[in-house]
Protein backbone atom coordinates (compact mmCIF):
# COMPACT_ATOMS: atom_id res chain seq x y z
CA MET A 1 -24.25 -38.25 -20.98
CA ARG A 2 -27.53 -36.30 -20.92
CA ARG A 3 -28.19 -37.37 -17.35
CA THR A 4 -24.70 -36.33 -16.32
CA GLY A 5 -25.13 -32.96 -18.05
CA ALA A 6 -28.49 -32.37 -16.41
CA ALA A 7 -27.06 -33.28 -13.01
CA GLY A 8 -24.14 -30.90 -13.53
CA ARG A 9 -26.46 -28.07 -14.48
CA THR A 10 -28.59 -28.81 -11.43
CA ARG A 11 -25.54 -28.67 -9.16
CA ARG A 12 -24.37 -25.42 -10.74
CA ALA A 13 -27.82 -23.91 -10.33
CA GLY A 14 -27.89 -25.03 -6.70
CA ALA A 15 -24.44 -23.45 -6.12
CA VAL A 16 -25.62 -20.19 -7.67
CA LEU A 17 -28.74 -20.08 -5.50
CA LEU A 18 -27.53 -21.68 -2.27
CA GLY A 19 -23.72 -21.83 -2.48
CA ARG A 20 -21.27 -20.23 -0.08
CA ARG A 21 -20.97 -17.04 -2.11
CA ALA A 22 -24.77 -16.76 -2.41
CA ARG A 23 -25.16 -17.22 1.35
CA ARG A 24 -22.55 -14.55 2.11
CA ARG A 25 -24.25 -12.13 -0.26
CA TRP A 26 -27.59 -12.89 1.42
CA VAL A 27 -26.02 -11.98 4.77
CA HIS A 28 -24.80 -8.75 3.20
CA LEU A 29 -28.32 -7.96 1.98
CA VAL A 30 -29.84 -8.72 5.37
CA LEU A 31 -27.26 -6.37 6.88
CA GLY A 32 -28.54 -3.69 4.49
CA GLY A 33 -32.09 -4.40 5.65
CA ALA A 34 -31.00 -4.01 9.27
CA LEU A 35 -29.32 -0.67 8.44
CA LEU A 36 -32.51 0.49 6.72
CA MET A 37 -34.67 -0.24 9.77
CA PRO A 38 -34.01 3.02 11.73
CA TYR A 39 -34.75 5.13 8.66
CA TRP A 40 -37.90 3.09 7.94
CA LEU A 41 -39.17 3.49 11.50
CA LEU A 42 -38.58 7.24 11.32
CA ALA A 43 -40.42 7.43 8.00
CA SER A 44 -43.31 5.40 9.44
CA VAL A 45 -43.65 7.87 12.31
CA VAL A 46 -43.66 10.77 9.84
CA LEU A 47 -46.35 9.11 7.70
CA ALA A 48 -48.52 7.95 10.63
CA PRO A 49 -50.69 11.14 10.81
CA PHE A 50 -51.53 10.78 7.12
CA THR A 51 -52.46 7.09 7.15
CA ALA A 52 -54.72 4.81 9.13
CA ALA A 53 -51.79 2.74 10.33
CA GLY A 54 -51.91 1.63 13.90
CA GLY A 55 -48.12 1.66 14.25
CA PRO A 56 -44.96 1.12 12.26
CA PHE A 57 -45.88 -2.52 11.49
CA GLY A 58 -49.55 -1.92 10.91
CA GLY A 59 -51.51 -0.45 8.04
CA SER A 60 -51.72 -1.35 4.39
CA VAL A 61 -48.98 -2.63 2.13
CA ALA A 62 -49.05 0.73 0.37
CA ALA A 63 -48.27 2.49 3.65
CA GLN A 64 -45.39 0.10 4.31
CA PHE A 65 -43.86 0.74 0.87
CA GLY A 66 -44.47 4.46 1.30
CA ALA A 67 -42.37 4.43 4.46
CA TYR A 68 -39.76 2.36 2.59
CA ALA A 69 -39.52 4.95 -0.19
CA LEU A 70 -39.41 7.85 2.28
CA ALA A 71 -36.57 6.18 4.24
CA LEU A 72 -34.10 6.04 1.33
CA PRO A 73 -33.32 9.79 0.88
CA PRO A 74 -32.19 10.28 4.53
CA ALA A 75 -30.04 7.16 4.21
CA ALA A 76 -28.37 8.64 1.12
CA VAL A 77 -27.67 11.89 2.98
CA THR A 78 -25.99 10.14 5.92
CA ALA A 79 -23.75 8.24 3.48
CA LEU A 80 -22.22 11.53 2.30
CA PHE A 81 -19.99 11.59 5.39
CA PRO A 82 -16.40 10.53 4.50
CA LEU A 83 -16.29 7.63 6.98
CA ALA A 84 -19.26 5.93 5.30
CA ARG A 85 -17.01 4.55 2.56
CA PRO A 86 -14.59 2.60 4.82
CA LEU A 87 -17.55 0.99 6.62
CA SER A 88 -19.26 0.07 3.36
CA VAL A 89 -16.00 -1.23 1.87
CA ALA A 90 -15.32 -3.39 4.92
CA ALA A 91 -18.72 -5.09 4.67
CA ALA A 92 -18.59 -5.47 0.88
CA ARG A 93 -15.02 -6.77 0.89
CA ALA A 94 -15.96 -9.50 3.37
CA LEU A 95 -19.32 -10.54 1.90
CA CYS A 96 -19.71 -9.54 -1.76
CA GLY A 97 -17.12 -11.86 -3.27
CA VAL A 98 -15.34 -9.08 -5.19
CA PRO A 99 -11.48 -9.00 -5.12
CA ALA A 100 -10.23 -6.65 -2.41
CA ARG A 101 -7.91 -4.81 -4.80
CA ARG A 102 -10.94 -3.35 -6.63
CA TYR A 103 -12.04 -1.33 -3.60
CA ALA A 104 -10.82 2.08 -2.52
CA ASP A 105 -9.02 2.53 0.79
CA GLY A 106 -9.66 5.26 3.31
CA PRO A 107 -12.44 7.83 3.71
CA ALA A 108 -14.04 9.43 0.68
CA GLY A 109 -12.25 12.72 0.17
CA SER A 110 -13.68 14.18 -3.01
CA ARG A 111 -17.27 15.16 -3.73
CA ALA A 112 -17.48 12.54 -6.49
CA ALA A 113 -16.30 9.79 -4.13
CA ARG A 114 -18.90 10.78 -1.50
CA ALA A 115 -21.67 10.83 -4.12
CA ARG A 116 -20.70 7.36 -5.33
CA THR A 117 -20.65 6.07 -1.75
CA ALA A 118 -24.13 7.54 -1.19
CA CYS A 119 -25.40 5.74 -4.31
CA TRP A 120 -23.93 2.47 -3.10
CA PHE A 121 -25.33 2.86 0.42
CA THR A 122 -28.80 3.66 -0.93
CA LEU A 123 -28.73 0.71 -3.33
CA HIS A 124 -27.51 -1.62 -0.59
CA LEU A 125 -30.25 -0.56 1.82
CA ALA A 126 -32.96 -0.58 -0.86
CA LEU A 127 -32.22 -4.12 -2.04
CA GLY A 128 -31.41 -5.28 1.47
CA GLY A 129 -34.71 -4.03 2.82
CA LEU A 130 -36.68 -5.91 0.17
CA VAL A 131 -34.71 -9.15 0.53
CA ALA A 132 -34.69 -9.01 4.35
CA GLY A 133 -38.45 -8.37 4.43
CA ALA A 134 -39.11 -11.23 2.01
CA SER A 135 -36.80 -13.51 4.01
CA LEU A 136 -38.87 -12.84 7.12
CA ALA A 137 -42.32 -13.14 5.57
CA LEU A 138 -42.10 -15.58 2.67
CA PRO A 139 -40.65 -18.78 4.25
CA PRO A 140 -43.43 -19.12 6.89
CA PHE A 141 -46.08 -18.51 4.23
CA ALA A 142 -44.42 -21.05 1.91
CA LEU A 143 -44.31 -23.66 4.68
CA VAL A 144 -47.99 -23.11 5.46
CA THR A 145 -48.84 -23.45 1.75
CA MET A 146 -46.88 -26.71 1.54
CA ALA A 147 -48.79 -28.05 4.58
CA LEU A 148 -52.25 -27.35 3.09
CA PRO A 149 -52.66 -30.77 1.36
CA PHE A 150 -51.99 -32.58 4.63
CA SER A 151 -54.30 -30.72 7.08
CA ALA A 152 -58.02 -30.13 6.59
CA GLU A 153 -58.16 -27.83 9.61
CA LEU A 154 -55.33 -25.75 8.20
CA ARG A 155 -57.11 -25.55 4.82
CA ALA A 156 -60.31 -24.40 6.52
CA SER A 157 -58.57 -21.68 8.50
CA ALA A 158 -56.63 -20.61 5.40
CA VAL A 159 -59.86 -20.38 3.36
CA ASP A 160 -61.42 -18.24 6.10
CA ALA A 161 -58.44 -15.86 5.96
CA TYR A 162 -57.92 -16.03 2.18
CA PRO A 163 -61.12 -17.01 0.30
CA GLY A 164 -59.11 -17.48 -2.89
CA LEU A 165 -57.61 -20.66 -1.43
CA ALA A 166 -61.01 -22.36 -1.69
CA ALA A 167 -60.22 -23.46 -5.25
CA PRO A 168 -60.13 -27.28 -5.58
CA TRP A 169 -56.58 -27.41 -6.95
CA TRP A 170 -54.88 -25.86 -3.92
CA PRO A 171 -54.64 -29.16 -2.02
CA VAL A 172 -52.75 -30.56 -5.02
CA LEU A 173 -50.56 -27.53 -5.79
CA GLY A 174 -49.65 -26.58 -2.22
CA VAL A 175 -46.27 -28.35 -2.12
CA PRO A 176 -45.06 -27.20 -5.59
CA ALA A 177 -46.28 -23.65 -4.91
CA GLY A 178 -44.45 -23.49 -1.59
CA LEU A 179 -41.25 -24.85 -3.13
CA LEU A 180 -41.56 -22.36 -5.98
CA MET A 181 -41.87 -19.52 -3.48
CA LEU A 182 -38.66 -20.60 -1.72
CA VAL A 183 -36.80 -20.99 -5.01
CA ALA A 184 -38.04 -17.56 -6.10
CA LEU A 185 -36.77 -16.06 -2.84
CA ALA A 186 -33.36 -17.70 -3.31
CA ALA A 187 -33.23 -16.50 -6.92
CA ALA A 188 -34.19 -12.96 -5.95
CA SER A 189 -31.56 -12.91 -3.21
CA ALA A 190 -28.87 -14.28 -5.56
CA GLY A 191 -29.82 -11.75 -8.24
CA ALA A 192 -29.78 -8.83 -5.82
CA GLY A 193 -26.42 -10.00 -4.44
CA ALA A 194 -24.99 -10.30 -7.95
CA LEU A 195 -26.24 -6.81 -8.79
CA LEU A 196 -24.51 -5.37 -5.72
CA ALA A 197 -21.29 -7.24 -6.52
CA ARG A 198 -21.36 -5.90 -10.08
CA GLN A 199 -21.84 -2.31 -8.88
CA ALA A 200 -19.34 -2.50 -6.01
CA PRO A 201 -16.18 -1.73 -8.06
CA ALA A 202 -17.92 1.18 -9.81
CA LEU A 203 -19.34 2.77 -6.66
CA LEU A 204 -16.77 1.76 -4.02
CA GLY A 205 -13.71 1.54 -6.25
CA PRO A 206 -10.98 4.19 -6.34
CA THR A 207 -11.70 7.46 -8.09
CA PRO A 208 -9.03 9.13 -10.28
CA ALA A 209 -8.09 11.24 -7.23
CA ASP A 210 -7.71 8.06 -5.15
CA ARG A 211 -5.52 6.47 -7.84
CA LEU A 212 -3.36 9.58 -7.99
CA ALA A 213 -2.98 9.63 -4.20
CA ALA A 214 -2.08 5.93 -4.19
CA ALA A 215 0.48 6.48 -6.95
CA GLU A 216 2.00 9.34 -4.97
CA ARG A 217 2.21 7.14 -1.86
CA ARG A 218 3.90 4.36 -3.83
CA ALA A 219 6.32 6.84 -5.37
CA ALA A 220 7.18 8.22 -1.93
CA GLU A 221 7.72 4.71 -0.57
CA LEU A 222 9.95 3.81 -3.51
CA ALA A 223 11.92 7.02 -3.03
CA VAL A 224 12.52 6.16 0.62
CA ARG A 225 13.54 2.60 -0.27
CA ASN A 226 15.91 3.83 -2.97
CA ARG A 227 17.44 6.31 -0.54
CA LEU A 228 17.96 3.62 2.07
CA ALA A 229 19.43 1.30 -0.58
CA ARG A 230 21.93 4.02 -1.54
CA GLU A 231 22.90 4.48 2.10
CA LEU A 232 23.48 0.75 2.53
CA HIS A 233 25.44 0.50 -0.71
CA ASP A 234 27.68 3.47 0.01
CA SER A 235 28.31 2.67 3.66
CA VAL A 236 28.70 -1.10 3.49
CA GLY A 237 30.36 -1.09 0.06
CA HIS A 238 33.01 1.40 1.15
CA ALA A 239 33.61 -0.48 4.39
CA LEU A 240 34.10 -3.81 2.59
CA SER A 241 36.47 -2.25 0.06
CA ALA A 242 38.53 -0.54 2.77
CA VAL A 243 38.60 -3.59 5.03
CA THR A 244 39.61 -5.86 2.16
CA LEU A 245 42.46 -3.58 1.18
CA GLN A 246 43.70 -3.19 4.76
CA ALA A 247 43.46 -6.91 5.45
CA GLY A 248 45.30 -7.76 2.23
CA ALA A 249 48.07 -5.28 3.01
CA ALA A 250 48.42 -6.59 6.55
CA ARG A 251 48.62 -10.18 5.30
CA ARG A 252 51.38 -9.30 2.84
CA VAL A 253 53.37 -7.48 5.55
CA VAL A 254 52.99 -10.39 8.00
CA ASP A 255 54.25 -12.83 5.35
CA ALA A 256 57.32 -10.67 4.66
CA PRO A 257 60.73 -11.85 5.93
CA GLU A 258 60.83 -8.92 8.38
CA PRO A 259 57.18 -8.06 9.19
CA ASP A 260 56.40 -4.47 10.16
CA LEU A 261 54.20 -5.01 13.23
CA GLY A 262 53.48 -1.30 13.51
CA PHE A 263 51.95 -1.25 10.04
CA VAL A 264 49.90 -4.36 10.86
CA ARG A 265 48.67 -2.71 14.05
CA GLU A 266 47.59 0.40 12.12
CA ALA A 267 45.80 -1.74 9.54
CA LEU A 268 43.90 -3.64 12.22
CA THR A 269 42.99 -0.35 13.93
CA ALA A 270 41.66 1.00 10.63
CA ILE A 271 39.63 -2.18 10.13
CA GLU A 272 38.20 -1.89 13.64
CA GLU A 273 37.24 1.77 13.24
CA THR A 274 35.73 1.22 9.79
CA THR A 275 33.61 -1.74 10.86
CA ARG A 276 32.45 -0.01 14.07
CA ARG A 277 31.33 3.07 12.14
CA THR A 278 29.65 0.96 9.47
CA VAL A 279 27.78 -1.18 12.00
CA ALA A 280 26.39 1.99 13.62
CA GLU A 281 25.21 3.30 10.25
CA LEU A 282 23.78 -0.10 9.35
CA ASP A 283 21.82 -0.24 12.62
CA ALA A 284 20.32 3.19 11.86
CA VAL A 285 19.18 2.11 8.39
CA LEU A 286 17.80 -1.25 9.55
CA GLY A 287 15.95 0.50 12.37
CA LEU A 288 14.15 2.63 9.81
CA LEU A 289 13.30 -0.41 7.69
CA ARG A 290 11.65 -2.09 10.67
CA ARG A 291 9.49 0.93 11.49
CA ASP A 292 6.04 1.59 10.05
CA ASP A 293 6.29 5.36 10.27
CA PRO A 294 4.36 7.79 8.04
CA ASP A 295 7.28 10.21 8.43
CA ALA A 296 9.79 7.66 7.14
CA ASP A 297 10.81 9.99 4.32
CA GLU A 298 11.97 12.64 6.75
CA ALA A 299 13.59 10.00 8.93
CA ALA A 300 15.46 8.57 5.97
CA ASP A 301 16.79 12.03 5.15
CA GLY A 302 17.99 12.33 8.72
CA ALA A 303 19.06 9.31 10.69
CA ALA A 304 19.67 6.99 7.75
CA ALA A 305 21.72 9.56 5.86
CA GLY A 306 24.46 9.32 8.45
CA PRO A 307 27.29 11.77 9.04
CA GLY A 308 28.27 14.90 7.14
CA LEU A 309 31.53 16.57 6.20
CA GLU A 310 32.34 17.05 9.89
CA ALA A 311 33.26 13.34 9.89
CA LEU A 312 35.33 13.57 6.71
CA ASP A 313 38.71 13.51 8.48
CA ALA A 314 37.89 10.18 10.17
CA LEU A 315 36.72 8.75 6.85
CA LEU A 316 39.92 9.75 5.08
CA ALA A 317 42.13 8.51 7.92
CA HIS A 318 40.70 4.99 7.75
CA SER A 319 39.96 4.74 4.05
CA GLY A 320 43.02 2.62 3.25
CA LEU A 321 44.17 5.14 0.65
CA ALA A 322 46.64 7.97 0.54
CA VAL A 323 44.35 10.98 0.12
CA VAL A 324 45.86 14.30 -0.90
CA ARG A 325 43.44 17.00 0.13
CA ASP A 326 43.74 20.57 -1.09
CA PRO A 327 43.65 22.58 2.17
CA ALA A 328 43.01 25.86 0.37
CA ALA A 329 39.88 24.59 -1.39
CA GLY A 330 37.78 23.60 1.60
CA PRO A 331 34.37 25.16 2.41
CA ALA A 332 34.74 28.57 4.02
CA GLY A 333 31.88 28.05 6.48
CA PRO A 334 29.19 25.60 7.60
CA LEU A 335 27.12 24.01 4.85
CA PRO A 336 23.42 23.14 4.84
CA GLU A 337 22.97 19.85 6.66
CA ARG A 338 21.60 17.90 3.72
CA VAL A 339 24.32 19.16 1.36
CA SER A 340 26.95 18.19 3.92
CA ARG A 341 25.53 14.66 4.28
CA GLU A 342 25.27 14.07 0.55
CA ALA A 343 28.78 15.41 -0.02
CA TYR A 344 30.13 13.00 2.61
CA ARG A 345 28.46 10.05 0.88
CA ILE A 346 29.74 11.18 -2.50
CA VAL A 347 33.32 11.33 -1.20
CA GLN A 348 32.81 7.92 0.42
CA GLU A 349 31.66 6.40 -2.85
CA GLY A 350 34.55 8.07 -4.70
CA LEU A 351 37.00 6.42 -2.30
CA SER A 352 35.28 3.05 -2.77
CA ASN A 353 35.51 3.43 -6.53
CA ALA A 354 39.21 4.28 -6.28
CA LEU A 355 39.78 1.20 -4.11
CA ARG A 356 38.00 -1.04 -6.60
CA HIS A 357 39.77 0.23 -9.69
CA GLY A 358 42.93 2.02 -8.63
CA GLY A 359 44.35 -0.27 -5.99
CA ALA A 360 46.45 1.73 -3.50
CA ALA A 361 47.00 4.66 -5.86
CA PRO A 362 46.74 8.06 -4.14
CA VAL A 363 43.55 10.10 -4.47
CA ALA A 364 43.39 13.87 -4.84
CA LEU A 365 40.36 15.47 -3.16
CA ARG A 366 39.17 19.05 -3.51
CA LEU A 367 36.11 20.65 -1.92
CA ARG A 368 35.28 24.19 -3.00
CA ALA A 369 32.23 26.27 -2.08
CA ALA A 370 31.68 29.26 -4.35
CA ASP A 371 28.97 30.93 -6.42
CA GLY A 372 26.19 29.25 -4.45
CA GLU A 373 27.35 25.67 -4.96
CA LEU A 374 29.71 23.08 -3.52
CA GLU A 375 32.10 21.45 -5.98
CA VAL A 376 33.53 18.04 -5.09
CA THR A 377 36.38 16.80 -7.28
CA MET A 378 38.23 13.50 -6.85
CA GLU A 379 41.03 12.21 -9.05
CA ASN A 380 43.12 9.04 -9.00
CA PRO A 381 45.55 7.65 -11.60
CA LEU A 382 44.41 4.76 -13.75
CA THR A 383 47.10 2.16 -13.16
CA GLY A 384 45.71 -0.44 -15.53
CA ARG A 385 45.90 -3.13 -12.85
CA ALA A 386 43.06 -5.45 -11.91
CA PRO A 387 40.75 -4.01 -9.25
CA VAL A 388 41.30 -5.02 -5.67
CA VAL A 389 37.58 -5.67 -5.17
CA ARG A 390 35.33 -6.53 -8.08
CA PRO A 391 32.76 -3.82 -8.88
CA GLY A 392 29.15 -4.30 -7.79
CA GLY A 393 27.46 -3.51 -11.06
CA GLY A 394 28.04 0.25 -11.20
CA ARG A 395 25.40 1.12 -8.63
CA GLY A 396 27.71 3.42 -6.71
CA LEU A 397 28.34 5.96 -9.46
CA ARG A 398 24.67 5.80 -10.41
CA GLY A 399 23.87 6.57 -6.77
CA VAL A 400 26.24 9.57 -6.88
CA ALA A 401 24.33 10.91 -9.88
CA GLU A 402 21.02 10.36 -8.09
CA ARG A 403 22.24 12.18 -4.97
CA ALA A 404 23.36 15.15 -7.03
CA ALA A 405 20.10 15.22 -9.02
CA LEU A 406 18.00 15.18 -5.83
CA LEU A 407 19.72 18.41 -4.76
CA GLY A 408 19.42 19.97 -8.20
CA GLY A 409 23.09 19.43 -9.02
CA SER A 410 25.09 17.36 -11.49
CA ALA A 411 27.75 14.64 -11.51
CA VAL A 412 30.29 13.81 -14.20
CA CYS A 413 32.79 10.96 -14.05
CA GLY A 414 35.20 9.29 -16.45
CA PRO A 415 38.78 9.23 -17.71
CA ALA A 416 40.55 12.57 -18.05
CA GLU A 417 43.91 13.92 -19.16
CA GLY A 418 44.26 11.47 -22.00
CA GLY A 419 43.02 8.49 -20.00
CA ALA A 420 45.71 8.68 -17.32
CA VAL A 421 43.38 9.92 -14.57
CA TRP A 422 39.91 8.98 -13.42
CA ARG A 423 37.97 12.08 -12.38
CA LEU A 424 34.73 12.44 -10.46
CA SER A 425 33.29 15.96 -10.48
CA VAL A 426 30.07 16.81 -8.62
CA ARG A 427 28.32 20.16 -8.21
CA LEU A 428 25.75 20.57 -5.42
CA PRO A 429 23.70 23.79 -5.06
CA LEU A 430 23.91 25.08 -1.51
CA THR A 431 20.18 25.82 -1.61
CA GLY A 432 19.41 22.15 -2.34
CA GLY A 433 19.46 21.29 1.32
CA ARG A 434 16.77 23.76 2.34
CA ARG A 435 13.15 22.63 2.68
């Protein structure tokens, strides 16, 4: 048991130091060291007149670290540009091992987001420069140290370069010391990578402004989807109700002892016209659903919304119902386009509701524009018979209320006149269609 536990701990330690995630984080750190190199070279040139360095790679260790420290402020300044965040996020998302959902999308817009990106970029380059430099220098030195016990010539040359290696225990400790150096490098790399991964969500994650913008985008997308769903429900639902009623009436007439072929022909014509119009509207809505268009909201208000009151006569002619329209209560002039479209859909849903619940009972329709609003009133008697088509969960009337609310209006529906009549009354402000 103890051996198994020790072996498991050894494997876990090896995975932490040399596993796939550790290797990817090491690559990320080396990338930071590569990004630091131009700033470090520039800092070395600036410091050259004040030091005895013979070039960027010459001079004392103090001069090298001085150039390293001088290179970080310019790196932080360049990271203040908005596009620095998408580049940093792309590298961190691929190599840091942090879930992608914890990163922000898009350029840094606010001052706070740019400052956080600058902190991340500076930290990435600072740790990356140290790890990349150690990764270049330490492995060769560790290998030489491990070879000391096996080569007298190598020990002699090493003692000439580093007199401290003349101690008698170096031939014995060379291999363990070299291995310890490599393990220390792996541990330092894993620790630096873990530190970056821990800071990534805080420095590259979404700010409150980013979360608000994302919430607004999701709300806009949901609004477009809901609008398209209403269009599909109203258009297809009305068409199915009308086609079902016409087909049922035609079947009953054909089965009669003396079939009225003229009535059957009219019913089939109504079915043809209804399905053709509905297929055209369905194609428009599906075309919008297939597009990845940032202006989908405007498109949904336009193409997907379909016809307006100018197409009302055709709708009433092929609705499958006897519609009594008050000719004296129609709009006196042209209506705003959006109000006209929404009013058409509201009438369409009212007809579908009458088909579902009133059978072939006649429908009274009144449109009146006055006092800055359009009033749509529809009434049909409640016969008490079973509906011709079963209702689809009440989404249609809820959609009517949503359409009216979007324009700043109201919708009221329910039994009236002692329960003998079903009435739908909608008020739409004429200014609701202006943007």
